[in-house]
């Protein structure tokens, strides 16, 4: 089953692909799009939920999204047309690592997609190439809320303990790379639980609603495996922080 299709179904009831409630998303956008910000870039935009919310609330804003998911970009364009913001949205079917643009952006975001660049610090390097002087980066990254045991690592698909750091070390690494946190938000336990129950529940519900679909059994199995890995593995170990950053001048 195509991973983009799995993700799309799993995020049916939680379009933000990160453990954040709607008011948290709004607060983060308000922090990142300050003053007269007019240009926003999302590296790994998927179906564009961050961009669409920002455009709907800010009539002077222009936004650009980059992703490899063709269907996700189509959905984003259709949603933009329905909101009446499509003239202010540019979408690019391209590897975000290779994306270039002649103009810099007032804010660049990458939330829950740092894996596309090989981790947090390479993501910040990529963001820096697109950021206007004084611009803000909005980056969401996982961290260890407590030291991971074997069950937690297995539940996360066989990750290594070195794949993430604790929160303090994560922020220290960002600062050492020349960035200053001007705001940050740590997802709450209710947000983390809501995200996981939404992810697994939407996928399981789709399987129940489409028993004749050739992907139904696999979707049900993926949902069940993910739910077990979370509840019996990494719940309480996995944390998520979204940082608003400025480049040290």
Protein backbone atom coordinates (compact mmCIF):
# COMPACT_ATOMS: atom_id res chain seq x y z
CA UNK A 1 0.00 0.00 0.00
CA UNK A 2 1.44 3.36 -1.03
CA UNK A 3 2.81 5.27 1.98
CA UNK A 4 1.29 8.53 0.73
CA UNK A 5 -2.13 6.87 0.60
CA UNK A 6 -1.68 5.46 4.11
CA UNK A 7 -0.74 8.89 5.42
CA UNK A 8 -3.60 10.60 3.59
CA UNK A 9 -6.20 8.23 5.02
CA UNK A 10 -4.63 8.31 8.50
CA UNK A 11 -4.80 12.11 8.56
CA UNK A 12 -8.44 12.32 7.46
CA UNK A 13 -9.56 13.54 10.88
CA UNK A 14 -6.27 15.23 11.81
CA UNK A 15 -5.08 17.14 8.74
CA UNK A 16 -2.10 18.67 10.56
CA UNK A 17 0.50 15.91 10.32
CA UNK A 18 1.85 16.64 13.79
CA UNK A 19 0.55 16.29 17.36
CA UNK A 20 -0.91 19.78 17.61
CA UNK A 21 -4.43 21.01 18.35
CA UNK A 22 -5.88 23.71 16.11
CA UNK A 23 -5.30 26.48 18.64
CA UNK A 24 -1.65 25.46 18.92
CA UNK A 25 -1.26 25.63 15.14
CA UNK A 26 -2.80 29.10 15.13
CA UNK A 27 -0.53 30.28 17.94
CA UNK A 28 2.56 29.04 16.11
CA UNK A 29 1.55 30.68 12.83
CA UNK A 30 0.90 33.95 14.65
CA UNK A 31 4.40 33.77 16.15
CA UNK A 32 6.08 32.94 12.84
CA UNK A 33 4.18 35.40 10.64
CA UNK A 34 4.92 38.62 12.45
CA UNK A 35 4.72 42.24 11.36
CA UNK A 36 4.44 42.65 7.61
CA UNK A 37 5.33 39.08 6.64
CA UNK A 38 4.17 38.53 3.07
CA UNK A 39 5.92 35.36 1.90
CA UNK A 40 5.69 31.87 3.44
CA UNK A 41 7.35 28.63 2.32
CA UNK A 42 6.46 25.12 3.50
CA UNK A 43 9.08 22.45 2.78
CA UNK A 44 7.19 19.16 2.79
CA UNK A 45 3.72 20.70 2.67
CA UNK A 46 1.67 17.56 1.93
CA UNK A 47 -1.92 18.68 1.42
CA UNK A 48 -0.99 22.19 2.56
CA UNK A 49 -2.94 22.57 5.84
CA UNK A 50 -0.46 25.06 7.33
CA UNK A 51 -0.40 27.13 4.15
CA UNK A 52 -4.16 27.14 3.74
CA UNK A 53 -4.75 28.32 7.30
CA UNK A 54 -2.17 31.05 6.96
CA UNK A 55 -3.54 32.28 3.63
CA UNK A 56 -7.15 32.28 4.83
CA UNK A 57 -6.25 34.49 7.80
CA UNK A 58 -3.86 36.87 6.02
CA UNK A 59 -5.13 38.44 2.77
CA UNK A 60 -1.73 39.95 1.89
CA UNK A 61 0.19 36.71 2.32
CA UNK A 62 1.60 34.68 -0.59
CA UNK A 63 2.69 31.11 0.05
CA UNK A 64 4.65 28.34 -1.64
CA UNK A 65 4.54 24.64 -0.88
CA UNK A 66 6.90 21.87 -1.97
CA UNK A 67 6.23 18.13 -1.80
CA UNK A 68 6.66 14.87 -3.71
CA UNK A 69 3.08 13.71 -3.12
CA UNK A 70 1.26 14.51 -6.37
CA UNK A 71 -2.17 13.68 -5.00
CA UNK A 72 -1.53 15.71 -1.86
CA UNK A 73 -0.65 18.75 -3.96
CA UNK A 74 -3.79 18.31 -6.03
CA UNK A 75 -5.88 18.23 -2.86
CA UNK A 76 -4.11 21.36 -1.63
CA UNK A 77 -4.87 23.18 -4.87
CA UNK A 78 -8.52 22.16 -4.76
CA UNK A 79 -8.83 23.31 -1.14
CA UNK A 80 -7.16 26.61 -2.00
CA UNK A 81 -9.67 27.18 -4.81
CA UNK A 82 -12.55 26.45 -2.44
CA UNK A 83 -11.16 29.00 0.03
CA UNK A 84 -10.57 31.58 -2.69
CA UNK A 85 -6.81 31.76 -2.06
CA UNK A 86 -5.44 29.80 -5.02
CA UNK A 87 -4.06 32.95 -6.69
CA UNK A 88 -1.77 33.42 -3.71
CA UNK A 89 -0.53 29.83 -3.51
CA UNK A 90 2.23 28.22 -5.57
CA UNK A 91 2.74 24.46 -5.36
CA UNK A 92 5.78 22.55 -6.58
CA UNK A 93 6.02 18.81 -7.16
CA UNK A 94 9.69 18.48 -6.30
CA UNK A 95 12.14 17.09 -3.80
CA UNK A 96 12.33 19.80 -1.13
CA UNK A 97 16.11 19.33 -0.95
CA UNK A 98 16.42 20.48 -4.54
CA UNK A 99 13.92 23.33 -4.46
CA UNK A 100 15.14 26.81 -5.30
CA UNK A 101 13.37 30.13 -5.65
CA UNK A 102 14.54 33.53 -6.86
CA UNK A 103 13.03 35.38 -3.89
CA UNK A 104 13.59 34.77 -0.17
CA UNK A 105 10.76 34.16 2.28
CA UNK A 106 9.76 35.94 5.48
CA UNK A 107 8.99 32.61 7.12
CA UNK A 108 9.89 29.03 6.24
CA UNK A 109 8.29 26.07 7.94
CA UNK A 110 9.01 22.36 8.11
CA UNK A 111 6.91 20.59 10.73
CA UNK A 112 7.06 16.82 10.99
CA UNK A 113 9.07 16.49 7.77
CA UNK A 114 12.68 16.91 8.89
CA UNK A 115 13.32 13.30 7.84
CA UNK A 116 13.21 14.54 4.23
CA UNK A 117 16.48 16.39 4.85
CA UNK A 118 18.14 13.80 7.05
CA UNK A 119 17.34 15.34 10.43
CA UNK A 120 16.91 18.59 12.30
CA UNK A 121 20.19 20.36 11.58
CA UNK A 122 20.22 19.59 7.83
CA UNK A 123 16.65 20.89 7.75
CA UNK A 124 17.76 24.17 9.31
CA UNK A 125 20.55 24.44 6.74
CA UNK A 126 17.99 24.01 3.97
CA UNK A 127 15.65 26.56 5.54
CA UNK A 128 18.45 29.09 5.83
CA UNK A 129 18.93 29.06 2.05
CA UNK A 130 15.38 30.35 1.58
CA UNK A 131 15.05 32.75 4.49
CA UNK A 132 15.13 36.52 4.13
CA UNK A 133 17.29 38.50 6.58
CA UNK A 134 15.45 38.66 9.88
CA UNK A 135 13.02 35.96 8.77
CA UNK A 136 11.68 33.22 11.00
CA UNK A 137 11.88 29.45 10.78
CA UNK A 138 9.08 27.25 12.14
CA UNK A 139 10.36 23.71 12.71
CA UNK A 140 8.68 20.74 14.38
CA UNK A 141 10.85 17.89 15.62
CA UNK A 142 10.58 14.86 17.88
CA UNK A 143 12.59 14.42 21.05
CA UNK A 144 12.88 11.87 23.83
CA UNK A 145 10.66 12.78 26.76
CA UNK A 146 12.43 10.00 28.64
CA UNK A 147 15.19 7.56 27.77
CA UNK A 148 13.79 5.08 25.23
CA UNK A 149 13.76 1.39 26.10
CA UNK A 150 13.69 -1.51 23.66
CA UNK A 151 9.89 -1.55 23.51
CA UNK A 152 9.76 2.14 22.63
CA UNK A 153 12.34 1.82 19.89
CA UNK A 154 10.62 -1.26 18.47
CA UNK A 155 7.28 0.54 18.53
CA UNK A 156 8.83 3.31 16.45
CA UNK A 157 9.87 0.89 13.76
CA UNK A 158 13.27 -0.09 15.09
CA UNK A 159 14.69 3.37 15.65
CA UNK A 160 17.95 3.89 17.53
CA UNK A 161 18.26 5.80 20.78
CA UNK A 162 20.65 8.15 19.00
CA UNK A 163 18.05 9.20 16.44
CA UNK A 164 16.73 11.87 18.81
CA UNK A 165 17.94 13.76 21.89
CA UNK A 166 16.16 15.00 24.97
CA UNK A 167 14.49 18.40 24.75
CA UNK A 168 17.34 20.39 26.32
CA UNK A 169 19.95 18.80 24.07
CA UNK A 170 17.74 19.32 21.01
CA UNK A 171 17.51 23.03 21.74
CA UNK A 172 21.23 23.21 22.55
CA UNK A 173 22.05 21.75 19.13
CA UNK A 174 19.83 24.33 17.43
CA UNK A 175 21.53 27.16 19.30
CA UNK A 176 24.99 25.79 18.55
CA UNK A 177 24.07 25.82 14.85
CA UNK A 178 23.53 29.58 15.03
CA UNK A 179 19.80 29.85 15.65
CA UNK A 180 17.97 31.61 18.48
CA UNK A 181 14.63 30.24 19.72
CA UNK A 182 12.17 33.12 20.00
CA UNK A 183 9.27 30.81 20.81
CA UNK A 184 8.63 27.13 21.32
CA UNK A 185 5.74 24.84 21.99
CA UNK A 186 5.93 21.33 23.44
CA UNK A 187 2.95 19.20 22.44
CA UNK A 188 0.90 18.10 25.43
CA UNK A 189 0.01 14.50 26.30
CA UNK A 190 -3.60 15.09 25.13
CA UNK A 191 -2.26 16.38 21.80
CA UNK A 192 0.04 13.39 21.40
CA UNK A 193 -2.72 10.93 22.30
CA UNK A 194 -5.27 12.65 20.07
CA UNK A 195 -2.88 12.46 17.15
CA UNK A 196 -2.16 8.74 17.61
CA UNK A 197 -5.81 7.79 18.14
CA UNK A 198 -6.78 9.87 15.10
CA UNK A 199 -4.04 8.33 12.95
CA UNK A 200 -4.80 4.73 13.83
CA UNK A 201 -8.55 5.26 14.10
CA UNK A 202 -8.98 6.90 10.71
CA UNK A 203 -6.99 4.16 9.02
CA UNK A 204 -8.88 1.39 10.83
CA UNK A 205 -12.23 3.01 10.05
CA UNK A 206 -11.33 3.22 6.36
CA UNK A 207 -10.51 -0.49 6.34
CA UNK A 208 -13.87 -1.29 7.94
CA UNK A 209 -15.71 0.94 5.45
CA UNK A 210 -13.94 -0.55 2.40
CA UNK A 211 -13.85 -4.33 2.99
CA UNK A 212 -13.74 -5.07 -0.74
CA UNK A 213 -10.79 -2.78 -1.42
CA UNK A 214 -7.57 -4.73 -2.09
CA UNK A 215 -5.75 -2.47 0.40
CA UNK A 216 -8.30 -2.96 3.19
CA UNK A 217 -6.55 -5.79 5.02
CA UNK A 218 -3.19 -4.06 4.88
CA UNK A 219 -4.66 -0.80 6.15
CA UNK A 220 -6.22 -2.61 9.11
CA UNK A 221 -2.94 -4.37 9.86
CA UNK A 222 -0.92 -1.14 9.68
CA UNK A 223 -3.38 0.59 12.02
CA UNK A 224 -3.26 -2.27 14.53
CA UNK A 225 0.54 -2.52 14.45
CA UNK A 226 0.93 1.23 14.87
CA UNK A 227 -1.56 1.33 17.75
CA UNK A 228 0.23 -1.49 19.59
CA UNK A 229 3.63 0.09 19.00
CA UNK A 230 2.36 3.33 20.49
CA UNK A 231 0.38 2.02 23.47
CA UNK A 232 2.83 -0.73 24.45
CA UNK A 233 5.96 1.00 23.28
CA UNK A 234 6.69 4.67 22.87
CA UNK A 235 3.74 6.36 24.62
CA UNK A 236 5.32 8.58 27.25
CA UNK A 237 8.75 8.33 25.63
CA UNK A 238 8.16 10.25 22.41
CA UNK A 239 7.79 14.03 22.61
CA UNK A 240 7.34 16.74 19.99
CA UNK A 241 8.50 20.35 20.03
CA UNK A 242 7.79 23.11 17.51
CA UNK A 243 10.29 25.95 17.54
CA UNK A 244 10.16 29.44 16.10
CA UNK A 245 13.75 30.42 15.30
CA UNK A 246 15.76 33.37 14.12
CA UNK A 247 19.15 33.08 12.53
CA UNK A 248 21.85 34.71 14.63
CA UNK A 249 23.16 37.65 12.59
